[in-house]
Amino acid sequence: MILKGKVWKFGDDITTDHIAPGRYYHLRNNLGELVKHVMEDIRENFHSLIEKGDIIVAGKNFGMGSSREHAPRIIKLAGISCVVAKSFARIFYRNSMNIGLPLITFDQVDSIDEGDLLRIDLEEGVLEDLTKGVKYRFEPMPKFVLKTIKEGGIVNYIRKHGDLPPEV
């Protein structure tokens, strides 16, 4: 699975409230409207700047705070293909995997700049900064996680295949 997109850079401790502001909680059943507010408190009009396939690169503890399951969902619906960060909050990580949003834990995010073009091979564990001509390795995702991502999340996987594979 190959992803390619432009980088949008964020810092440490991005909360689920930064991603899906709580004042729009009433839109939780209208994701088309909620996605218009993704990350707006830290990047004005972020949803209108994104191109399909773009990539968020952030520091440590991305997705911290409440277990707001809409946070990874609206990132994905906005067109972001994956998030690369030094670390992720546990519940955000699980919610992202459940909906098929790839997350890559990567210590060298400081070497990536906003606007860089990245090519990421999820199966091989290779992140290439095409702008700088540099390749990095990261721990590839387990095969089951890749299968669920390809299907668009765990619910889609189960609908299509009837159950989880035996290796889970």
C-alpha atoms as a PDB file:
ATOM      1  CA  MET A   1       0.000   0.000   0.000  1.00  0.00           C
ATOM      2  CA  ILE A   2       1.619   3.234  -1.199  1.00  0.00           C
ATOM      3  CA  LEU A   3       0.530   6.679  -0.007  1.00  0.00           C
ATOM      4  CA  LYS A   4       1.735   9.940  -1.497  1.00  0.00           C
ATOM      5  CA  GLY A   5       0.887  13.447  -0.364  1.00  0.00           C
ATOM      6  CA  LYS A   6       1.904  16.884   0.783  1.00  0.00           C
ATOM      7  CA  VAL A   7       2.795  17.444   4.437  1.00  0.00           C
ATOM      8  CA  TRP A   8       0.796  19.542   6.868  1.00  0.00           C
ATOM      9  CA  LYS A   9       2.937  19.992   9.990  1.00  0.00           C
ATOM     10  CA  PHE A  10       1.676  20.260  13.559  1.00  0.00           C
ATOM     11  CA  GLY A  11       3.403  20.214  16.940  1.00  0.00           C
ATOM     12  CA  ASP A  12       3.098  18.213  20.132  1.00  0.00           C
ATOM     13  CA  ASP A  13      -0.015  17.427  22.166  1.00  0.00           C
ATOM     14  CA  ILE A  14      -2.663  17.922  19.486  1.00  0.00           C
ATOM     15  CA  THR A  15      -5.887  17.039  21.281  1.00  0.00           C
ATOM     16  CA  THR A  16      -9.072  15.508  19.955  1.00  0.00           C
ATOM     17  CA  ASP A  17     -10.641  18.896  20.728  1.00  0.00           C
ATOM     18  CA  HIS A  18      -8.155  20.535  18.356  1.00  0.00           C
ATOM     19  CA  ILE A  19      -9.107  17.970  15.718  1.00  0.00           C
ATOM     20  CA  ALA A  20     -12.891  17.953  16.283  1.00  0.00           C
ATOM     21  CA  PRO A  21     -13.789  21.057  18.333  1.00  0.00           C
ATOM     22  CA  GLY A  22     -16.312  20.257  21.058  1.00  0.00           C
ATOM     23  CA  ARG A  23     -18.490  23.257  20.239  1.00  0.00           C
ATOM     24  CA  TYR A  24     -19.518  21.359  17.091  1.00  0.00           C
ATOM     25  CA  TYR A  25     -20.582  18.250  19.007  1.00  0.00           C
ATOM     26  CA  HIS A  26     -24.109  18.765  17.679  1.00  0.00           C
ATOM     27  CA  LEU A  27     -22.745  17.912  14.196  1.00  0.00           C
ATOM     28  CA  ARG A  28     -21.549  14.423  15.202  1.00  0.00           C
ATOM     29  CA  ASN A  29     -24.331  12.879  13.099  1.00  0.00           C
ATOM     30  CA  ASN A  30     -23.564  15.147  10.156  1.00  0.00           C
ATOM     31  CA  LEU A  31     -19.959  14.325   9.354  1.00  0.00           C
ATOM     32  CA  GLY A  32     -20.083  16.285   6.099  1.00  0.00           C
ATOM     33  CA  GLU A  33     -20.560  19.448   8.135  1.00  0.00           C
ATOM     34  CA  LEU A  34     -18.275  18.435  11.003  1.00  0.00           C
ATOM     35  CA  VAL A  35     -15.366  17.827   8.616  1.00  0.00           C
ATOM     36  CA  LYS A  36     -15.498  21.537   7.684  1.00  0.00           C
ATOM     37  CA  HIS A  37     -14.220  22.279  11.194  1.00  0.00           C
ATOM     38  CA  VAL A  38     -11.334  19.791  11.320  1.00  0.00           C
ATOM     39  CA  MET A  39      -8.306  21.351  13.064  1.00  0.00           C
ATOM     40  CA  GLU A  40      -9.787  24.840  12.622  1.00  0.00           C
ATOM     41  CA  ASP A  41      -8.626  26.110  16.017  1.00  0.00           C
ATOM     42  CA  ILE A  42      -4.979  25.574  15.078  1.00  0.00           C
ATOM     43  CA  ARG A  43      -5.160  26.008  11.282  1.00  0.00           C
ATOM     44  CA  GLU A  44      -7.904  28.267   9.957  1.00  0.00           C
ATOM     45  CA  ASN A  45      -9.833  26.775   7.003  1.00  0.00           C
ATOM     46  CA  PHE A  46      -7.702  23.618   7.167  1.00  0.00           C
ATOM     47  CA  HIS A  47     -10.407  21.526   5.491  1.00  0.00           C
ATOM     48  CA  SER A  48     -10.335  23.761   2.400  1.00  0.00           C
ATOM     49  CA  LEU A  49      -6.533  23.637   2.108  1.00  0.00           C
ATOM     50  CA  ILE A  50      -6.206  19.845   2.039  1.00  0.00           C
ATOM     51  CA  GLU A  51      -5.862  17.884  -1.177  1.00  0.00           C
ATOM     52  CA  LYS A  52      -6.889  14.238  -1.210  1.00  0.00           C
ATOM     53  CA  GLY A  53      -3.965  12.122  -0.072  1.00  0.00           C
ATOM     54  CA  ASP A  54      -2.208  14.805   1.982  1.00  0.00           C
ATOM     55  CA  ILE A  55      -0.409  13.744   5.156  1.00  0.00           C
ATOM     56  CA  ILE A  56      -0.360  15.184   8.665  1.00  0.00           C
ATOM     57  CA  VAL A  57       3.040  15.125  10.385  1.00  0.00           C
ATOM     58  CA  ALA A  58       3.063  15.955  14.085  1.00  0.00           C
ATOM     59  CA  GLY A  59       5.058  15.683  17.278  1.00  0.00           C
ATOM     60  CA  LYS A  60       4.346  13.582  20.333  1.00  0.00           C
ATOM     61  CA  ASN A  61       1.006  12.590  21.836  1.00  0.00           C
ATOM     62  CA  PHE A  62      -1.148  13.255  18.765  1.00  0.00           C
ATOM     63  CA  GLY A  63      -4.847  12.735  19.527  1.00  0.00           C
ATOM     64  CA  MET A  64      -4.602  13.130  23.289  1.00  0.00           C
ATOM     65  CA  GLY A  65      -7.638  13.965  25.394  1.00  0.00           C
ATOM     66  CA  SER A  66     -11.146  12.619  25.180  1.00  0.00           C
ATOM     67  CA  SER A  67     -11.998   9.463  23.290  1.00  0.00           C
ATOM     68  CA  ARG A  68     -13.816  11.446  20.637  1.00  0.00           C
ATOM     69  CA  GLU A  69     -14.151   8.843  17.880  1.00  0.00           C
ATOM     70  CA  HIS A  70     -15.113  11.532  15.376  1.00  0.00           C
ATOM     71  CA  ALA A  71     -11.595  12.988  15.465  1.00  0.00           C
ATOM     72  CA  PRO A  72      -9.872  10.367  13.289  1.00  0.00           C
ATOM     73  CA  ARG A  73     -13.006   9.965  11.179  1.00  0.00           C
ATOM     74  CA  ILE A  74     -13.104  13.610  10.095  1.00  0.00           C
ATOM     75  CA  ILE A  75      -9.340  13.620   9.451  1.00  0.00           C
ATOM     76  CA  LYS A  76      -9.896  10.746   7.035  1.00  0.00           C
ATOM     77  CA  LEU A  77     -13.031  12.285   5.497  1.00  0.00           C
ATOM     78  CA  ALA A  78     -11.168  15.558   4.945  1.00  0.00           C
ATOM     79  CA  GLY A  79      -8.816  13.687   2.601  1.00  0.00           C
ATOM     80  CA  ILE A  80      -5.807  13.043   4.828  1.00  0.00           C
ATOM     81  CA  SER A  81      -4.305   9.672   3.855  1.00  0.00           C
ATOM     82  CA  CYS A  82      -2.337   9.097   7.085  1.00  0.00           C
ATOM     83  CA  VAL A  83      -0.835  10.721  10.153  1.00  0.00           C
ATOM     84  CA  VAL A  84       2.865  10.463  10.961  1.00  0.00           C
ATOM     85  CA  ALA A  85       3.831  11.426  14.525  1.00  0.00           C
ATOM     86  CA  LYS A  86       6.388  10.782  17.244  1.00  0.00           C
ATOM     87  CA  SER A  87       3.642   9.183  19.334  1.00  0.00           C
ATOM     88  CA  PHE A  88      -0.131   8.830  19.555  1.00  0.00           C
ATOM     89  CA  ALA A  89      -2.652   8.760  22.364  1.00  0.00           C
ATOM     90  CA  ARG A  90      -3.774   5.162  22.899  1.00  0.00           C
ATOM     91  CA  ILE A  91      -7.522   5.643  22.313  1.00  0.00           C
ATOM     92  CA  PHE A  92      -6.957   7.830  19.248  1.00  0.00           C
ATOM     93  CA  TYR A  93      -4.641   5.159  17.857  1.00  0.00           C
ATOM     94  CA  ARG A  94      -7.244   2.432  18.312  1.00  0.00           C
ATOM     95  CA  ASN A  95     -10.072   4.559  16.889  1.00  0.00           C
ATOM     96  CA  SER A  96      -7.934   5.348  13.836  1.00  0.00           C
ATOM     97  CA  MET A  97      -7.150   1.706  13.156  1.00  0.00           C
ATOM     98  CA  ASN A  98     -10.836   0.839  13.543  1.00  0.00           C
ATOM     99  CA  ILE A  99     -11.835   3.263  10.779  1.00  0.00           C
ATOM    100  CA  GLY A 100      -8.887   2.531   8.508  1.00  0.00           C
ATOM    101  CA  LEU A 101      -6.809   5.689   9.017  1.00  0.00           C
ATOM    102  CA  PRO A 102      -3.120   4.666   8.951  1.00  0.00           C
ATOM    103  CA  LEU A 103      -0.929   6.043  11.722  1.00  0.00           C
ATOM    104  CA  ILE A 104       2.846   5.836  11.583  1.00  0.00           C
ATOM    105  CA  THR A 105       4.985   6.259  14.662  1.00  0.00           C
ATOM    106  CA  PHE A 106       8.165   7.960  13.486  1.00  0.00           C
ATOM    107  CA  ASP A 107      10.817   9.591  15.698  1.00  0.00           C
ATOM    108  CA  GLN A 108      12.361  11.746  12.961  1.00  0.00           C
ATOM    109  CA  VAL A 109       9.393  14.043  12.264  1.00  0.00           C
ATOM    110  CA  ASP A 110      11.625  17.068  12.874  1.00  0.00           C
ATOM    111  CA  SER A 111      13.442  16.282   9.613  1.00  0.00           C
ATOM    112  CA  ILE A 112      10.191  16.733   7.635  1.00  0.00           C
ATOM    113  CA  ASP A 113       8.950  20.217   6.736  1.00  0.00           C
ATOM    114  CA  GLU A 114       5.502  21.491   5.907  1.00  0.00           C
ATOM    115  CA  GLY A 115       4.912  21.281   2.181  1.00  0.00           C
ATOM    116  CA  ASP A 116       7.320  18.379   1.641  1.00  0.00           C
ATOM    117  CA  LEU A 117       6.019  15.631  -0.620  1.00  0.00           C
ATOM    118  CA  LEU A 118       6.105  12.205   1.024  1.00  0.00           C
ATOM    119  CA  ARG A 119       5.788   8.719  -0.415  1.00  0.00           C
ATOM    120  CA  ILE A 120       4.994   6.075   2.197  1.00  0.00           C
ATOM    121  CA  ASP A 121       5.065   2.330   1.653  1.00  0.00           C
ATOM    122  CA  LEU A 122       3.012   0.922   4.520  1.00  0.00           C
ATOM    123  CA  GLU A 123       3.851  -2.706   3.740  1.00  0.00           C
ATOM    124  CA  GLU A 124       7.622  -2.246   3.500  1.00  0.00           C
ATOM    125  CA  GLY A 125       7.925   0.396   6.214  1.00  0.00           C
ATOM    126  CA  VAL A 126       9.587   3.040   4.045  1.00  0.00           C
ATOM    127  CA  LEU A 127       8.930   6.771   4.285  1.00  0.00           C
ATOM    128  CA  GLU A 128      10.517   8.768   1.489  1.00  0.00           C
ATOM    129  CA  ASP A 129      10.736  12.556   1.544  1.00  0.00           C
ATOM    130  CA  LEU A 130      10.613  13.187  -2.207  1.00  0.00           C
ATOM    131  CA  THR A 131      11.293  16.894  -1.692  1.00  0.00           C
ATOM    132  CA  LYS A 132      14.585  16.238   0.096  1.00  0.00           C
ATOM    133  CA  GLY A 133      15.462  12.940  -1.591  1.00  0.00           C
ATOM    134  CA  VAL A 134      15.778  11.089   1.727  1.00  0.00           C
ATOM    135  CA  LYS A 135      14.437   7.650   2.709  1.00  0.00           C
ATOM    136  CA  TYR A 136      13.657   6.483   6.218  1.00  0.00           C
ATOM    137  CA  ARG A 137      12.545   3.153   7.683  1.00  0.00           C
ATOM    138  CA  PHE A 138       9.757   2.629  10.191  1.00  0.00           C
ATOM    139  CA  GLU A 139       8.196  -0.449  11.731  1.00  0.00           C
ATOM    140  CA  PRO A 140       5.726  -1.811   9.161  1.00  0.00           C
ATOM    141  CA  MET A 141       2.172  -2.354  10.328  1.00  0.00           C
ATOM    142  CA  PRO A 142       1.013  -5.882  11.144  1.00  0.00           C
ATOM    143  CA  LYS A 143      -0.595  -7.651   8.177  1.00  0.00           C
ATOM    144  CA  PHE A 144      -4.033  -7.679   9.780  1.00  0.00           C
ATOM    145  CA  VAL A 145      -3.918  -3.917  10.341  1.00  0.00           C
ATOM    146  CA  LEU A 146      -2.958  -3.429   6.678  1.00  0.00           C
ATOM    147  CA  LYS A 147      -5.868  -5.658   5.638  1.00  0.00           C
ATOM    148  CA  THR A 148      -8.340  -3.617   7.689  1.00  0.00           C
ATOM    149  CA  ILE A 149      -6.932  -0.354   6.323  1.00  0.00           C
ATOM    150  CA  LYS A 150      -7.309  -1.633   2.748  1.00  0.00           C
ATOM    151  CA  GLU A 151     -10.963  -2.460   3.498  1.00  0.00           C
ATOM    152  CA  GLY A 152     -11.594   0.982   5.007  1.00  0.00           C
ATOM    153  CA  GLY A 153     -11.723  -0.150   8.631  1.00  0.00           C
ATOM    154  CA  ILE A 154     -12.713  -3.036  10.846  1.00  0.00           C
ATOM    155  CA  VAL A 155     -16.464  -2.787  10.207  1.00  0.00           C
ATOM    156  CA  ASN A 156     -15.969  -2.930   6.432  1.00  0.00           C
ATOM    157  CA  TYR A 157     -13.533  -5.807   6.860  1.00  0.00           C
ATOM    158  CA  ILE A 158     -16.046  -7.849   8.862  1.00  0.00           C
ATOM    159  CA  ARG A 159     -18.886  -7.013   6.459  1.00  0.00           C
ATOM    160  CA  LYS A 160     -16.809  -8.264   3.541  1.00  0.00           C
ATOM    161  CA  HIS A 161     -15.058 -11.259   5.118  1.00  0.00           C
ATOM    162  CA  GLY A 162     -17.530 -12.232   7.839  1.00  0.00           C
ATOM    163  CA  ASP A 163     -15.066 -12.318  10.715  1.00  0.00           C
ATOM    164  CA  LEU A 164     -11.601 -11.416  11.855  1.00  0.00           C
ATOM    165  CA  PRO A 165      -8.726 -13.525  10.531  1.00  0.00           C
ATOM    166  CA  PRO A 166      -7.323 -16.210  12.848  1.00  0.00           C
ATOM    167  CA  GLU A 167      -4.064 -14.308  13.496  1.00  0.00           C
ATOM    168  CA  VAL A 168      -5.918 -11.697  15.592  1.00  0.00           C
END
